[in-house]
Every structure is written in C-alpha cells, then in structure tokens.
C-alpha cells in the first residue's frame, strides 16, 4: 500500500456540554441541587460567560464531566505508543493479531519524504518487510497455522511506521493536558499534528473551554521546559528575573 496521511473525525461528544459544565460548576458554589438547576434555562450567554470565568480561575476538575470521542487513522504505531500513555482516556485500537497486515499502509516522516534518496531507501525497506510478513504467513499456512495464530507471531516483523487506526475518548481536562504537552514545538511531529487537529475540532465545539488550549507556553507566557526550550518564549526564570528587576 502507498503511504497514508492523518485522518481525524469527531464521532461523538457529551450532549449539551455547556449546560452540563454550567451546573457542575454551579453545584460547587451553590446550596441548590444540580438536578433543579439542570431544568432551568440560564441562557447560553450566561453559561458561556460563567464557564469562561471558571476557566480563568483555574478550577478545572468539573471539566471531567464532558468527554469527546475521536476516530483516528493514518497514524503510525510510533504515535500510538505515545498516545496511550495518557491514562485518563479510553482506547480501542486496530489489532495486528486479528487484522491481516500483509498490505499494511505506512507513515513516512517528512524528513525522509522530502529527500529522494532517503525516501527510496525507506520505501524499499517497507516493501521488504511486507514481503517478509507474507512469507511468514505462507510458511505458517503450510504448517496448518492460520488466522490469528499466524498473525500474532508474523506481526513481530512489522515496523513502527505501520499504519494503525484507533478510537480515543478523553474528557476535557485530559484533553487540555494532552494539548499542553503535544501541541508543543518539542513534541514529535506526528503526534503534534494529531493534537493540533483534535484541538481545532474541540475549539469548534466548545470554545469557552478550548479557545486557549494548546502548548503551555502560549498560556503561561513563558517556557516551562527549562534547558529543553525551543526558544519561542523566554524561560520561567527569565520572566521572574525581569519582573523582579522592574520592581
């Protein structure tokens, strides 16, 4: 198969997310019951303004009540090895044990795709792996080993570049955490592209929560990465020294 490209689709999100977050936050500060407040129409404008105020305050635990579910394709196993480290989430990933991968698609890094020599070597390697995978399945077949019993061992030759598909569900709080790390310029290019696309979809659906989402430096005004900084923003220590100097 030819190289593949990123695909992201929002499958589903919590119903009436603005209202849900409004009553969840209000319950923290009100003697009234959220069940009664849920039946009232406070108005979209009021809910929006209240939620923005809560976001500015840094009170973020109620954000866990609203979740988003994404279908993702055209990504590598190298990406999903990073993605599944976010543990406050649910994942359903295509299995290389049950799915025949003899014609697997693959992701080519831009640094390789843009160099004719590197790309030729990369594609040669992918073709050889595909052939090796097929040879293994053929030999297993001769021994009467077929289906998942063959796939589960033949998959050991598959590369990290092999395409995978995955369904991901995260709540708003975890999504903001994910974006803060993976929208950063220091994040690996593939998962950064995924995070930026997911952020765009979230911003379209729930702007009061996600309009300031993204890399931490953009929200903080300084880089918290220390010696690993990419240089886009001053370091935290530099900002503190500057403020102290002004005093």
Protein backbone atom coordinates (compact mmCIF):
# COMPACT_ATOMS: atom_id res chain seq x y z
CA UNK A 1 0.00 0.00 0.00
CA UNK A 2 1.12 3.60 -0.54
CA UNK A 3 1.97 5.98 2.31
CA UNK A 4 -1.01 7.17 4.36
CA UNK A 5 -1.99 10.55 5.82
CA UNK A 6 -3.62 11.68 9.05
CA UNK A 7 -7.40 11.44 9.38
CA UNK A 8 -9.33 12.64 12.44
CA UNK A 9 -13.10 12.62 12.88
CA UNK A 10 -15.11 13.64 15.94
CA UNK A 11 -17.55 10.77 16.43
CA UNK A 12 -19.43 11.97 19.46
CA UNK A 13 -19.29 14.30 22.45
CA UNK A 14 -21.29 14.81 25.64
CA UNK A 15 -24.78 16.08 24.98
CA UNK A 16 -25.38 19.71 26.00
CA UNK A 17 -21.78 20.19 27.19
CA UNK A 18 -22.20 23.87 28.06
CA UNK A 19 -25.22 23.15 30.27
CA UNK A 20 -23.53 20.15 31.86
CA UNK A 21 -20.42 22.11 32.78
CA UNK A 22 -22.52 25.05 33.98
CA UNK A 23 -24.48 23.01 36.53
CA UNK A 24 -21.40 21.01 37.57
CA UNK A 25 -19.51 24.19 38.38
CA UNK A 26 -22.56 25.82 39.98
CA UNK A 27 -23.01 22.82 42.27
CA UNK A 28 -19.61 23.57 43.80
CA UNK A 29 -20.72 27.05 44.89
CA UNK A 30 -24.49 26.80 45.32
CA UNK A 31 -26.70 25.40 48.13
CA UNK A 32 -29.16 24.37 45.43
CA UNK A 33 -29.30 20.95 43.77
CA UNK A 34 -27.84 20.47 40.30
CA UNK A 35 -30.92 18.42 39.39
CA UNK A 36 -33.09 21.54 39.76
CA UNK A 37 -30.59 23.86 38.07
CA UNK A 38 -30.42 21.47 35.09
CA UNK A 39 -34.10 22.09 34.35
CA UNK A 40 -33.66 25.87 34.26
CA UNK A 41 -32.69 27.82 31.15
CA UNK A 42 -29.98 30.19 32.30
CA UNK A 43 -29.31 31.31 28.73
CA UNK A 44 -26.38 30.40 26.52
CA UNK A 45 -24.72 33.76 27.03
CA UNK A 46 -24.76 33.49 30.79
CA UNK A 47 -23.47 29.90 30.74
CA UNK A 48 -20.70 30.86 28.31
CA UNK A 49 -19.57 33.83 30.43
CA UNK A 50 -19.70 31.79 33.65
CA UNK A 51 -17.65 28.97 32.14
CA UNK A 52 -15.02 31.40 30.85
CA UNK A 53 -14.76 32.85 34.36
CA UNK A 54 -14.24 29.37 35.80
CA UNK A 55 -11.56 28.61 33.21
CA UNK A 56 -9.69 31.80 34.17
CA UNK A 57 -9.88 30.82 37.84
CA UNK A 58 -8.05 27.56 37.22
CA UNK A 59 -10.86 25.44 38.67
CA UNK A 60 -10.78 22.54 36.25
CA UNK A 61 -11.99 19.34 37.96
CA UNK A 62 -15.62 19.77 36.71
CA UNK A 63 -14.24 19.58 33.15
CA UNK A 64 -14.02 15.82 33.62
CA UNK A 65 -17.81 15.53 33.19
CA UNK A 66 -17.65 16.30 29.45
CA UNK A 67 -15.92 13.98 27.01
CA UNK A 68 -15.06 13.78 23.30
CA UNK A 69 -14.64 10.64 21.17
CA UNK A 70 -12.42 10.68 18.06
CA UNK A 71 -11.80 8.23 15.23
CA UNK A 72 -8.17 8.43 14.11
CA UNK A 73 -6.50 6.82 11.10
CA UNK A 74 -3.38 7.30 9.01
CA UNK A 75 -1.10 7.32 12.05
CA UNK A 76 1.83 5.10 12.94
CA UNK A 77 2.32 2.67 15.77
CA UNK A 78 5.11 5.01 16.91
CA UNK A 79 2.43 7.66 17.50
CA UNK A 80 0.01 5.44 19.39
CA UNK A 81 2.80 4.21 21.68
CA UNK A 82 2.97 7.84 22.83
CA UNK A 83 -0.77 8.46 22.80
CA UNK A 84 -1.76 5.60 25.09
CA UNK A 85 0.48 6.97 27.83
CA UNK A 86 -2.40 9.36 28.59
CA UNK A 87 -4.18 7.12 31.06
CA UNK A 88 -7.32 9.12 31.80
CA UNK A 89 -8.74 8.00 28.48
CA UNK A 90 -10.30 5.05 26.67
CA UNK A 91 -8.77 3.42 23.59
CA UNK A 92 -9.97 0.88 21.01
CA UNK A 93 -7.13 0.14 18.61
CA UNK A 94 -6.93 -1.97 15.47
CA UNK A 95 -5.38 -5.30 16.39
CA UNK A 96 -2.45 -6.64 14.40
CA UNK A 97 -3.37 -10.04 15.82
CA UNK A 98 -6.81 -10.21 14.22
CA UNK A 99 -6.26 -7.98 11.16
CA UNK A 100 -4.27 -9.30 8.21
CA UNK A 101 -1.45 -6.77 7.73
CA UNK A 102 0.12 -8.17 4.54
CA UNK A 103 -0.76 -4.95 2.68
CA UNK A 104 -0.19 -2.51 5.54
CA UNK A 105 -0.04 1.21 4.89
CA UNK A 106 2.74 3.24 6.46
CA UNK A 107 3.67 6.74 7.57
CA UNK A 108 6.76 8.43 6.12
CA UNK A 109 8.41 11.16 8.25
CA UNK A 110 8.65 14.49 6.39
CA UNK A 111 12.43 14.49 6.83
CA UNK A 112 12.54 11.30 4.80
CA UNK A 113 9.73 12.06 2.35
CA UNK A 114 11.47 15.27 1.25
CA UNK A 115 14.74 13.56 0.37
CA UNK A 116 14.68 11.40 -2.76
CA UNK A 117 17.45 9.08 -1.58
CA UNK A 118 16.05 8.63 1.92
CA UNK A 119 12.54 8.08 0.61
CA UNK A 120 13.69 5.41 -1.84
CA UNK A 121 15.51 3.56 0.95
CA UNK A 122 12.52 3.85 3.28
CA UNK A 123 10.07 2.53 0.69
CA UNK A 124 12.45 -0.33 -0.20
CA UNK A 125 12.54 -1.29 3.47
CA UNK A 126 8.74 -1.21 3.74
CA UNK A 127 8.40 -3.42 0.65
CA UNK A 128 10.87 -5.95 2.07
CA UNK A 129 9.01 -6.08 5.38
CA UNK A 130 5.70 -6.61 3.58
CA UNK A 131 7.27 -9.47 1.63
CA UNK A 132 8.74 -11.00 4.79
CA UNK A 133 5.36 -10.79 6.51
CA UNK A 134 3.72 -12.56 3.58
CA UNK A 135 6.46 -15.21 3.52
CA UNK A 136 5.91 -15.90 7.20
CA UNK A 137 2.16 -16.27 6.70
CA UNK A 138 2.76 -18.61 3.75
CA UNK A 139 5.07 -20.83 5.81
CA UNK A 140 2.63 -20.83 8.72
CA UNK A 141 -0.09 -21.87 6.26
CA UNK A 142 2.00 -24.83 5.11
CA UNK A 143 2.14 -25.94 8.74
CA UNK A 144 -1.62 -25.54 9.17
CA UNK A 145 -1.29 -22.39 11.28
CA UNK A 146 -3.73 -19.76 10.01
CA UNK A 147 -5.77 -16.77 11.15
CA UNK A 148 -4.94 -15.08 14.43
CA UNK A 149 -2.45 -17.82 15.35
CA UNK A 150 -0.37 -16.87 12.33
CA UNK A 151 -0.93 -13.12 12.56
CA UNK A 152 0.06 -12.89 16.23
CA UNK A 153 3.60 -14.07 15.50
CA UNK A 154 4.07 -12.71 11.97
CA UNK A 155 3.32 -9.21 13.32
CA UNK A 156 6.66 -9.20 15.14
CA UNK A 157 8.37 -8.09 11.90
CA UNK A 158 6.03 -5.13 11.35
CA UNK A 159 7.64 -1.66 11.67
CA UNK A 160 6.66 1.24 13.91
CA UNK A 161 5.81 3.08 10.68
CA UNK A 162 2.90 0.67 10.03
CA UNK A 163 -0.44 2.46 9.94
CA UNK A 164 -2.91 1.88 12.73
CA UNK A 165 -6.45 3.04 13.44
CA UNK A 166 -7.75 3.92 16.87
CA UNK A 167 -10.82 5.30 18.66
CA UNK A 168 -9.98 7.66 21.53
CA UNK A 169 -12.20 9.10 24.24
CA UNK A 170 -10.93 11.79 26.62
CA UNK A 171 -12.62 14.22 28.95
CA UNK A 172 -11.99 17.95 28.64
CA UNK A 173 -9.49 18.09 31.47
CA UNK A 174 -7.34 15.32 29.99
CA UNK A 175 -7.63 16.83 26.51
CA UNK A 176 -6.27 20.15 27.79
CA UNK A 177 -3.40 18.27 29.44
CA UNK A 178 -2.75 16.36 26.21
CA UNK A 179 -2.78 19.57 24.15
CA UNK A 180 -0.49 21.36 26.61
CA UNK A 181 2.21 18.74 26.01
CA UNK A 182 1.69 17.57 22.45
CA UNK A 183 0.96 20.91 20.76
CA UNK A 184 4.39 22.00 21.98
CA UNK A 185 7.05 22.52 19.30
CA UNK A 186 9.23 19.99 21.12
CA UNK A 187 6.62 17.24 20.68
CA UNK A 188 7.27 14.65 17.98
CA UNK A 189 5.95 15.98 14.66
CA UNK A 190 3.30 13.30 14.06
CA UNK A 191 1.57 13.45 17.42
CA UNK A 192 1.80 17.26 17.33
CA UNK A 193 -0.15 17.26 14.05
CA UNK A 194 -2.75 14.99 15.63
CA UNK A 195 -3.03 17.15 18.74
CA UNK A 196 -3.42 20.33 16.69
CA UNK A 197 -6.21 18.78 14.60
CA UNK A 198 -8.03 17.49 17.68
CA UNK A 199 -7.69 20.92 19.29
CA UNK A 200 -9.27 22.56 16.24
CA UNK A 201 -12.27 20.25 16.49
CA UNK A 202 -12.63 20.89 20.22
CA UNK A 203 -12.40 24.65 19.74
CA UNK A 204 -15.19 24.50 17.16
CA UNK A 205 -17.49 22.61 19.55
CA UNK A 206 -16.69 24.14 22.94
CA UNK A 207 -14.76 27.42 22.64
CA UNK A 208 -15.10 28.59 26.29
CA UNK A 209 -13.02 25.58 27.36
CA UNK A 210 -10.61 25.19 24.46
CA UNK A 211 -10.06 28.64 22.98
CA UNK A 212 -6.83 29.00 24.99
CA UNK A 213 -5.86 25.35 24.65
CA UNK A 214 -2.53 24.37 23.20
CA UNK A 215 1.09 24.40 24.27
CA UNK A 216 1.66 25.52 27.86
CA UNK A 217 3.97 28.35 26.83
CA UNK A 218 1.19 30.09 24.91
CA UNK A 219 -0.99 30.21 28.02
CA UNK A 220 1.77 30.92 30.54
CA UNK A 221 3.75 33.46 28.53
CA UNK A 222 6.98 31.61 29.28
CA UNK A 223 8.54 28.23 28.52
CA UNK A 224 8.42 25.69 31.39
CA UNK A 225 10.80 23.29 29.59
CA UNK A 226 14.00 24.76 31.01
CA UNK A 227 17.11 23.68 29.10
CA UNK A 228 14.88 21.83 26.60
CA UNK A 229 13.18 25.05 25.46
CA UNK A 230 12.71 25.58 21.73
CA UNK A 231 13.29 29.32 22.22
CA UNK A 232 9.84 30.61 21.19
CA UNK A 233 9.19 32.03 24.68
CA UNK A 234 11.51 33.21 27.47
CA UNK A 235 12.24 30.75 30.26
CA UNK A 236 10.31 30.98 33.51
CA UNK A 237 13.45 32.11 35.37
CA UNK A 238 13.99 34.91 32.86
CA UNK A 239 10.42 36.16 33.31
CA UNK A 240 10.76 36.10 37.09
CA UNK A 241 14.07 37.96 36.96
CA UNK A 242 12.53 40.53 34.64
CA UNK A 243 9.60 41.12 36.99
CA UNK A 244 11.88 41.44 39.99
CA UNK A 245 14.07 43.89 38.09
CA UNK A 246 11.07 46.06 37.26
CA UNK A 247 10.17 46.25 40.93
